[in-house]
N, C-alpha and C. Protein backbone atom coordinates (compact mmCIF):
# COMPACT_ATOMS: atom_id res chain seq x y z
N MET A 1 0.88 -1.16 0.00
CA MET A 1 0.04 0.04 -0.04
C MET A 1 0.94 1.20 0.05
N PRO A 2 0.67 2.19 -0.82
CA PRO A 2 1.41 3.33 -0.84
C PRO A 2 1.24 4.20 0.42
N VAL A 3 2.22 5.08 0.69
CA VAL A 3 2.13 5.86 1.89
C VAL A 3 1.00 6.80 1.92
N GLY A 4 0.67 7.38 0.83
CA GLY A 4 -0.47 8.37 0.72
C GLY A 4 -1.84 7.64 1.10
N GLU A 5 -2.06 6.43 0.64
CA GLU A 5 -3.19 5.65 0.96
C GLU A 5 -3.29 5.37 2.37
N GLY A 6 -2.18 4.90 2.96
CA GLY A 6 -2.21 4.59 4.36
C GLY A 6 -2.40 5.80 5.28
N LEU A 7 -1.94 6.94 4.84
CA LEU A 7 -2.12 8.18 5.65
C LEU A 7 -3.69 8.59 5.57
N ALA A 8 -4.26 8.39 4.33
CA ALA A 8 -5.65 8.61 4.24
C ALA A 8 -6.47 7.76 4.99
N LEU A 9 -6.11 6.41 4.99
CA LEU A 9 -6.85 5.54 5.78
C LEU A 9 -6.78 5.88 7.19
N ALA A 10 -5.59 6.08 7.72
CA ALA A 10 -5.44 6.48 9.13
C ALA A 10 -6.16 7.77 9.56
N ALA A 11 -6.18 8.71 8.62
CA ALA A 11 -6.96 9.99 8.86
C ALA A 11 -8.51 9.82 8.87
N GLY A 12 -8.95 8.89 7.97
CA GLY A 12 -10.27 8.52 8.05
C GLY A 12 -10.75 7.82 9.19
N ALA A 13 -9.89 6.91 9.73
CA ALA A 13 -10.24 6.00 10.92
C ALA A 13 -10.29 7.06 12.10
N ALA A 14 -9.23 7.83 12.20
CA ALA A 14 -9.24 8.88 13.23
C ALA A 14 -10.57 9.82 13.28
N THR A 15 -10.87 10.27 12.17
CA THR A 15 -12.13 11.01 11.93
C THR A 15 -13.37 10.34 12.43
N VAL A 16 -13.49 9.04 11.96
CA VAL A 16 -14.65 8.19 12.33
C VAL A 16 -14.73 8.04 13.90
N LEU A 17 -13.51 7.80 14.64
CA LEU A 17 -13.42 7.63 16.02
C LEU A 17 -13.84 8.95 16.70
N ALA A 18 -13.33 10.15 16.19
CA ALA A 18 -13.63 11.35 16.89
C ALA A 18 -15.03 11.70 16.67
N LEU A 19 -15.68 11.54 15.53
CA LEU A 19 -17.14 11.75 15.32
C LEU A 19 -17.99 10.94 16.23
N GLY A 20 -17.53 9.62 16.35
CA GLY A 20 -18.29 8.66 17.18
C GLY A 20 -18.22 9.16 18.64
N ARG A 21 -17.06 9.52 19.10
CA ARG A 21 -17.12 9.96 20.51
C ARG A 21 -17.85 11.13 20.77
N SER A 22 -17.77 12.10 19.94
CA SER A 22 -18.49 13.40 19.98
C SER A 22 -20.02 13.07 19.91
N ALA A 23 -20.39 12.21 19.09
CA ALA A 23 -21.92 11.88 18.87
C ALA A 23 -22.36 11.24 20.16
N ALA A 24 -21.55 10.41 20.72
CA ALA A 24 -21.89 9.71 21.94
C ALA A 24 -22.14 10.71 23.10
N SER A 25 -21.19 11.71 23.17
CA SER A 25 -21.36 12.73 24.18
C SER A 25 -22.55 13.67 23.98
N VAL A 26 -22.85 13.78 22.70
CA VAL A 26 -24.07 14.68 22.43
C VAL A 26 -25.36 13.92 22.84
N PHE A 27 -25.37 12.65 22.57
CA PHE A 27 -26.50 11.73 22.91
C PHE A 27 -26.65 11.64 24.40
N ARG A 28 -25.51 11.51 25.15
CA ARG A 28 -25.46 11.51 26.53
C ARG A 28 -26.07 12.80 27.16
N PHE A 29 -25.64 13.84 26.53
CA PHE A 29 -26.12 15.23 27.02
C PHE A 29 -27.67 15.26 26.82
N LEU A 30 -28.12 14.90 25.59
CA LEU A 30 -29.55 15.01 25.26
C LEU A 30 -30.39 14.09 26.18
N GLY A 31 -29.88 12.91 26.51
CA GLY A 31 -30.49 11.82 27.35
C GLY A 31 -30.68 12.52 28.81
N ARG A 32 -29.59 13.08 29.34
CA ARG A 32 -29.69 13.70 30.68
C ARG A 32 -30.70 14.89 30.58
N TRP A 33 -30.57 15.70 29.60
CA TRP A 33 -31.54 16.81 29.49
C TRP A 33 -32.91 16.31 29.51
N LEU A 34 -33.28 15.33 28.61
CA LEU A 34 -34.59 14.76 28.66
C LEU A 34 -35.06 14.26 29.92
N LEU A 35 -34.15 13.49 30.70
CA LEU A 35 -34.59 13.07 31.95
C LEU A 35 -34.72 14.26 32.91
N SER A 36 -33.98 15.20 32.91
CA SER A 36 -34.12 16.32 33.79
C SER A 36 -35.32 17.15 33.46
N SER A 37 -35.56 17.16 32.23
CA SER A 37 -36.94 17.87 31.84
C SER A 37 -38.22 17.22 32.32
N VAL A 38 -38.13 15.84 32.16
CA VAL A 38 -39.25 15.14 32.86
C VAL A 38 -39.42 15.33 34.30
N LEU A 39 -38.22 15.30 34.94
CA LEU A 39 -38.31 15.50 36.46
C LEU A 39 -38.65 16.87 36.67
N GLY A 40 -38.21 17.94 35.88
CA GLY A 40 -38.67 19.27 36.05
C GLY A 40 -40.20 19.43 35.86
N ALA A 41 -40.78 18.63 34.78
CA ALA A 41 -42.20 18.74 34.59
C ALA A 41 -42.93 18.12 35.86
N VAL A 42 -42.39 17.08 36.47
CA VAL A 42 -43.07 16.63 37.60
C VAL A 42 -43.01 17.61 38.75
N GLY A 43 -41.88 18.31 38.92
CA GLY A 43 -41.79 19.30 39.87
C GLY A 43 -42.76 20.52 39.63
N LEU A 44 -42.87 20.86 38.38
CA LEU A 44 -43.88 21.87 38.05
C LEU A 44 -45.33 21.44 38.28
N VAL A 45 -45.61 20.21 38.14
CA VAL A 45 -46.99 19.76 38.37
C VAL A 45 -47.27 19.79 40.01
N ILE A 46 -46.24 19.32 40.71
CA ILE A 46 -46.32 19.48 42.17
C ILE A 46 -46.39 20.93 42.56
N TRP A 47 -45.60 21.83 42.02
CA TRP A 47 -45.70 23.31 42.34
C TRP A 47 -47.18 23.81 42.03
N ASN A 48 -47.64 23.44 40.90
CA ASN A 48 -48.96 23.92 40.48
C ASN A 48 -50.00 23.43 41.39
N HIS A 49 -49.91 22.23 41.81
CA HIS A 49 -50.82 21.66 42.75
C HIS A 49 -50.77 22.27 44.16
N VAL A 50 -49.74 22.65 44.56
CA VAL A 50 -49.51 23.18 45.93
C VAL A 50 -49.90 24.78 45.95
N VAL A 51 -49.37 25.49 44.95
CA VAL A 51 -49.51 26.85 44.97
C VAL A 51 -50.43 27.40 43.88
N GLY A 52 -50.96 26.60 43.13
CA GLY A 52 -51.91 27.10 42.08
C GLY A 52 -52.86 27.94 42.45
N GLY A 53 -53.53 27.88 43.64
CA GLY A 53 -54.66 28.65 44.09
C GLY A 53 -54.27 30.06 44.43
N GLN A 54 -52.94 30.19 44.53
CA GLN A 54 -52.48 31.67 45.04
C GLN A 54 -52.00 32.39 43.79
N GLY A 55 -52.29 32.05 42.56
CA GLY A 55 -51.85 32.83 41.44
C GLY A 55 -50.51 32.62 40.93
N LEU A 56 -49.74 31.72 41.47
CA LEU A 56 -48.37 31.45 41.12
C LEU A 56 -48.18 30.25 40.29
N ALA A 57 -49.30 29.73 39.67
CA ALA A 57 -49.20 28.57 38.80
C ALA A 57 -48.42 28.85 37.62
N ILE A 58 -47.45 27.93 37.23
CA ILE A 58 -46.61 28.05 36.08
C ILE A 58 -47.17 27.02 35.03
N GLY A 59 -47.30 27.62 33.78
CA GLY A 59 -47.86 26.76 32.80
C GLY A 59 -46.86 25.54 32.43
N LEU A 60 -47.33 24.41 32.23
CA LEU A 60 -46.57 23.29 31.96
C LEU A 60 -46.60 23.09 30.38
N ASN A 61 -45.40 23.30 29.80
CA ASN A 61 -45.21 23.19 28.40
C ASN A 61 -43.76 22.79 28.08
N PRO A 62 -43.41 22.42 26.90
CA PRO A 62 -42.00 21.95 26.67
C PRO A 62 -40.99 23.08 27.03
N VAL A 63 -41.24 24.29 26.87
CA VAL A 63 -40.31 25.30 27.13
C VAL A 63 -40.08 25.42 28.57
N THR A 64 -41.06 25.42 29.49
CA THR A 64 -40.87 25.62 30.89
C THR A 64 -40.20 24.33 31.46
N ALA A 65 -40.61 23.09 30.97
CA ALA A 65 -40.05 21.87 31.35
C ALA A 65 -38.56 21.89 30.91
N GLY A 66 -38.26 22.26 29.68
CA GLY A 66 -36.89 22.25 29.29
C GLY A 66 -35.96 23.32 30.05
N THR A 67 -36.61 24.37 30.38
CA THR A 67 -35.86 25.48 31.19
C THR A 67 -35.51 24.88 32.54
N VAL A 68 -36.48 24.23 33.18
CA VAL A 68 -36.18 23.61 34.44
C VAL A 68 -35.21 22.43 34.26
N GLY A 69 -35.35 21.63 33.20
CA GLY A 69 -34.40 20.61 32.93
C GLY A 69 -32.99 21.03 32.62
N LEU A 70 -32.75 22.15 31.94
CA LEU A 70 -31.45 22.62 31.56
C LEU A 70 -30.73 23.38 32.69
N LEU A 71 -31.56 24.31 33.39
CA LEU A 71 -31.07 25.12 34.42
C LEU A 71 -31.25 24.67 35.82
N GLY A 72 -32.15 23.64 36.03
CA GLY A 72 -32.23 22.99 37.37
C GLY A 72 -33.07 23.89 38.31
N LEU A 73 -32.62 23.93 39.49
CA LEU A 73 -33.34 24.73 40.59
C LEU A 73 -33.25 26.13 40.30
N PRO A 74 -32.16 26.81 39.71
CA PRO A 74 -32.21 28.12 39.45
C PRO A 74 -33.15 28.53 38.39
N GLY A 75 -33.33 27.57 37.35
CA GLY A 75 -34.23 27.83 36.34
C GLY A 75 -35.73 27.73 36.89
N PHE A 76 -35.99 26.91 37.77
CA PHE A 76 -37.29 26.89 38.49
C PHE A 76 -37.47 28.23 39.17
N GLY A 77 -36.44 28.68 39.83
CA GLY A 77 -36.65 29.98 40.51
C GLY A 77 -36.88 31.17 39.54
N LEU A 78 -36.22 31.06 38.37
CA LEU A 78 -36.37 32.08 37.36
C LEU A 78 -37.79 32.05 36.91
N LEU A 79 -38.42 30.88 36.67
CA LEU A 79 -39.78 30.83 36.17
C LEU A 79 -40.74 31.36 37.28
N VAL A 80 -40.44 31.14 38.57
CA VAL A 80 -41.26 31.56 39.59
C VAL A 80 -41.23 33.16 39.69
N ALA A 81 -39.96 33.66 39.56
CA ALA A 81 -39.80 35.15 39.68
C ALA A 81 -40.44 35.79 38.41
N LEU A 82 -40.28 35.23 37.27
CA LEU A 82 -41.02 35.82 36.09
C LEU A 82 -42.57 35.78 36.31
N LYS A 83 -43.17 34.61 36.86
CA LYS A 83 -44.54 34.59 37.02
C LYS A 83 -44.99 35.63 38.11
N TRP A 84 -44.12 35.91 39.09
CA TRP A 84 -44.35 36.83 40.19
C TRP A 84 -44.44 38.18 39.56
N LEU A 85 -43.41 38.51 38.75
CA LEU A 85 -43.27 39.91 38.14
C LEU A 85 -44.31 40.17 37.14
N VAL A 86 -44.72 39.17 36.37
CA VAL A 86 -45.59 39.41 35.18
C VAL A 86 -47.04 39.13 35.55
């Protein structure tokens, strides 16, 4: 095998490995975010059940659940503060 073909094969293999690892980390991040979003939605349902009668109920939709899923407790506090201000 000529040297150029060997280098091209090695570069291709390295690229495939790098993309495979980065794709795995992206899927891992998305999986954790999805799980956190589901747990955030459960937290929002509980919040709405407990405080809903006082006018601080937060709408449950993909954006609010995703915000709580991505930012965690600070994101939940942000949503409560926004609801209180608006």
